[in-house]
Protein backbone atom coordinates (compact mmCIF):
# COMPACT_ATOMS: atom_id res chain seq x y z
CA ILE A 1 0.00 0.00 0.00
CA LYS A 2 1.34 3.41 -0.93
CA ILE A 3 0.47 6.20 1.45
CA THR A 4 -0.17 9.72 0.29
CA ALA A 5 1.69 12.80 1.47
CA GLU A 6 -1.42 13.83 3.42
CA GLU A 7 -1.64 10.41 5.11
CA ARG A 8 2.02 10.66 6.09
CA ARG A 9 1.50 14.19 7.44
CA VAL A 10 -1.51 13.10 9.51
CA ALA A 11 0.31 10.04 10.90
CA VAL A 12 3.40 12.04 11.88
CA ALA A 13 1.26 14.77 13.46
CA ALA A 14 -0.66 12.14 15.46
CA ALA A 15 2.55 10.55 16.76
CA LYS A 16 3.98 13.96 17.67
CA ALA A 17 0.75 14.94 19.44
CA MET A 18 1.17 11.83 21.60
CA ARG A 19 4.88 12.70 22.13
CA LEU A 20 5.98 9.44 20.50
CA ASN A 21 9.14 9.00 18.44
CA MET A 22 7.76 5.77 17.05
CA ALA A 23 4.14 4.78 16.70
CA GLY A 24 1.76 2.70 14.69
CA VAL A 25 -0.99 4.95 13.36
CA ASP A 26 -4.11 3.26 11.99
CA ILE A 27 -5.74 5.41 9.32
CA ILE A 28 -8.74 4.96 7.06
CA ARG A 29 -9.25 6.81 3.82
CA SER A 30 -12.42 8.85 3.45
CA GLY A 31 -13.93 11.30 1.02
CA SER A 32 -12.83 14.14 3.29
CA GLY A 33 -9.27 12.88 3.77
CA PRO A 34 -7.47 10.45 6.07
CA LYS A 35 -9.06 9.70 9.45
CA ILE A 36 -7.10 8.39 12.44
CA LEU A 37 -8.52 5.29 14.09
CA GLU A 38 -5.85 4.86 16.75
CA VAL A 39 -2.24 5.60 17.67
CA ASN A 40 -0.25 2.68 19.09
CA SER A 41 2.78 3.40 21.26
CA SER A 42 3.89 -0.22 20.95
CA PRO A 43 2.85 -1.35 17.48
CA GLY A 44 3.09 -4.94 16.32
CA LEU A 45 5.60 -5.26 13.51
CA GLU A 46 5.08 -8.73 12.06
CA GLY A 47 2.20 -7.83 9.76
CA ILE A 48 3.83 -4.70 8.37
CA GLU A 49 7.19 -6.44 7.92
CA ASN A 50 5.55 -9.22 5.92
CA ALA A 51 3.53 -6.74 3.85
CA ILE A 52 6.41 -4.48 2.86
CA LYS A 53 9.27 -7.01 3.04
CA LYS A 54 11.37 -4.78 5.32
CA ASN A 55 13.05 -5.43 8.66
CA ILE A 56 11.24 -2.77 10.68
CA ALA A 57 12.54 -4.12 14.00
CA GLY A 58 16.09 -3.64 12.72
CA GLU A 59 15.23 -0.09 11.64
CA VAL A 60 13.88 0.63 15.13
CA ILE A 61 17.07 -0.68 16.74
CA ARG A 62 19.21 1.51 14.46
CA PHE A 63 17.01 4.53 15.30
CA VAL A 64 17.39 3.94 19.04
CA GLU A 65 21.15 3.41 18.78
CA LYS A 66 21.56 6.59 16.73
CA ASN A 67 19.31 8.82 18.83
CA TYR A 68 19.83 7.61 22.37
CA LYS A 69 23.59 7.11 22.72
CA HIS A 70 23.64 9.97 25.23
CA VAL A 71 21.42 8.07 27.70
CA LYS A 72 23.52 6.45 30.42
CA LYS A 73 22.71 3.14 32.06
CA ASP A 74 21.95 3.06 35.77
CA ASN A 75 24.33 0.59 37.41
């Protein structure tokens, strides 16, 4: 499924509104534009990975490693 620029904009805005760096945003298409059904802070990845043939979990790991290196572990 190809998403439109408007669908991408709505999904990103929804995730930002929830203060999430990563989210699953369920959208339906309507005559008046995309409508948000729900925003998931912990989305399941298996279905989307199979559908688009991409390793989303690996992408998430790379994102976390790149963006959170400054966070120190509590020992």
